[in-house]
Amino acid sequence: MGFGPRETVVGGVNRFADDSDPPSIPTPDFSALEREQVDRVRSVRAGRDARRTEAALAAIRAAAAPYADSNATGRPALMPLIVDAVRARATVGEISDTMRSSWGEYRPT
């Protein structure tokens, strides 16, 4: 098997490979972990002050809007607002969704 001078050597793929089958690695079952996490999130949401959480998310939404405009000036600091939302027991998903509602989502072309 010849390799040209510009061919990238990938060990185990195009050089130093043998004919043995690849090892079988079973896929772990994370269903119990998923159920536990869903239960914990539901518990946190049930026990938090919903008005405080929504107010914190609304503050992020308002502060994130100027960032969507690349010409905007005087953009407020988001990190203190994110910390306030976390203290109000907002989830990472809720915070992300709030910022996504202002900024949209990057889609490579």
Protein backbone atom coordinates (compact mmCIF):
# COMPACT_ATOMS: atom_id res chain seq x y z
CA MET A 1 0.00 0.00 0.00
CA GLY A 2 1.66 3.23 -1.10
CA PHE A 3 1.16 6.61 0.47
CA GLY A 4 1.76 9.79 -1.45
CA PRO A 5 3.89 12.54 0.02
CA ARG A 6 0.83 14.65 0.90
CA GLU A 7 -1.42 11.96 2.31
CA THR A 8 -2.22 12.36 5.98
CA VAL A 9 -1.35 9.31 8.02
CA VAL A 10 -4.15 8.27 10.36
CA GLY A 11 -2.96 5.50 12.65
CA GLY A 12 -5.30 2.54 12.63
CA VAL A 13 -7.18 3.84 9.59
CA ASN A 14 -4.80 4.08 6.66
CA ARG A 15 -1.64 2.89 8.39
CA PHE A 16 -0.87 0.47 11.22
CA ALA A 17 -4.33 -1.10 10.85
CA ASP A 18 -5.07 -4.78 11.38
CA ASP A 19 -7.98 -6.91 10.23
CA SER A 20 -9.56 -7.41 13.65
CA ASP A 21 -13.10 -6.27 14.37
CA PRO A 22 -13.48 -3.05 16.33
CA PRO A 23 -14.30 -3.53 20.01
CA SER A 24 -17.95 -3.59 20.95
CA ILE A 25 -18.77 -0.88 23.47
CA PRO A 26 -22.30 -1.12 24.82
CA THR A 27 -24.36 2.06 24.97
CA PRO A 28 -25.04 2.98 28.60
CA ASP A 29 -28.63 3.20 29.76
CA PHE A 30 -29.10 6.69 31.19
CA SER A 31 -32.88 6.42 31.57
CA ALA A 32 -32.75 6.25 35.39
CA LEU A 33 -30.45 9.27 35.52
CA GLU A 34 -32.76 11.13 33.16
CA ARG A 35 -35.81 10.39 35.32
CA GLU A 36 -33.97 11.58 38.44
CA GLN A 37 -32.91 14.82 36.77
CA VAL A 38 -36.41 15.51 35.42
CA ASP A 39 -37.81 14.95 38.93
CA ARG A 40 -35.23 17.33 40.43
CA VAL A 41 -36.02 20.07 37.90
CA ARG A 42 -39.75 19.68 38.51
CA SER A 43 -39.15 19.91 42.27
CA VAL A 44 -37.07 23.07 41.90
CA ARG A 45 -39.69 24.68 39.66
CA ALA A 46 -42.49 23.79 42.08
CA GLY A 47 -40.62 25.26 45.05
CA ARG A 48 -39.38 28.50 43.56
CA ASP A 49 -41.00 31.94 43.56
CA ALA A 50 -42.40 31.99 40.03
CA ARG A 51 -42.81 35.78 39.95
CA ARG A 52 -39.20 36.33 41.00
CA THR A 53 -37.98 33.88 38.38
CA GLU A 54 -40.06 35.45 35.61
CA ALA A 55 -38.91 38.95 36.62
CA ALA A 56 -35.28 37.82 36.45
CA LEU A 57 -35.84 36.28 33.01
CA ALA A 58 -37.63 39.43 31.82
CA ALA A 59 -34.63 41.51 32.92
CA ILE A 60 -32.35 39.26 30.85
CA ARG A 61 -34.70 39.54 27.86
CA ALA A 62 -34.70 43.35 28.06
CA ALA A 63 -30.93 43.57 28.51
CA ALA A 64 -30.20 41.07 25.72
CA ALA A 65 -32.16 42.98 23.08
CA PRO A 66 -29.46 45.61 22.36
CA TYR A 67 -26.92 42.83 21.77
CA ALA A 68 -28.91 41.67 18.74
CA ASP A 69 -28.11 45.00 17.06
CA SER A 70 -24.40 45.10 16.22
CA ASN A 71 -24.55 48.91 16.04
CA ALA A 72 -26.11 49.38 19.47
CA THR A 73 -24.16 51.18 22.17
CA GLY A 74 -24.49 51.19 25.93
CA ARG A 75 -25.22 47.50 26.20
CA PRO A 76 -26.01 46.45 29.79
CA ALA A 77 -23.94 43.77 31.51
CA LEU A 78 -25.72 40.42 31.21
CA MET A 79 -23.72 38.38 33.71
CA PRO A 80 -25.16 40.01 36.88
CA LEU A 81 -28.65 39.44 35.48
CA ILE A 82 -27.88 35.82 34.71
CA VAL A 83 -26.58 35.33 38.25
CA ASP A 84 -29.82 36.89 39.58
CA ALA A 85 -31.83 34.47 37.45
CA VAL A 86 -29.85 31.52 38.77
CA ARG A 87 -30.46 32.74 42.33
CA ALA A 88 -34.17 32.91 41.44
CA ARG A 89 -33.82 29.21 40.48
CA ALA A 90 -34.22 29.66 36.71
CA THR A 91 -32.84 26.71 34.79
CA VAL A 92 -30.00 26.94 32.28
CA GLY A 93 -32.53 26.05 29.58
CA GLU A 94 -34.87 28.87 30.60
CA ILE A 95 -32.02 31.38 30.63
CA SER A 96 -30.77 30.13 27.25
CA ASP A 97 -34.26 30.23 25.74
CA THR A 98 -34.69 33.79 26.99
CA MET A 99 -31.49 34.96 25.30
CA ARG A 100 -32.31 32.93 22.19
CA SER A 101 -35.65 34.76 21.95
CA SER A 102 -33.73 38.04 21.53
CA TRP A 103 -30.76 36.85 19.53
CA GLY A 104 -32.02 33.91 17.55
CA GLU A 105 -29.84 30.90 16.95
CA TYR A 106 -26.67 30.67 14.88
CA ARG A 107 -27.13 28.59 11.76
CA PRO A 108 -23.98 28.05 9.71
CA THR A 109 -24.48 28.53 6.02
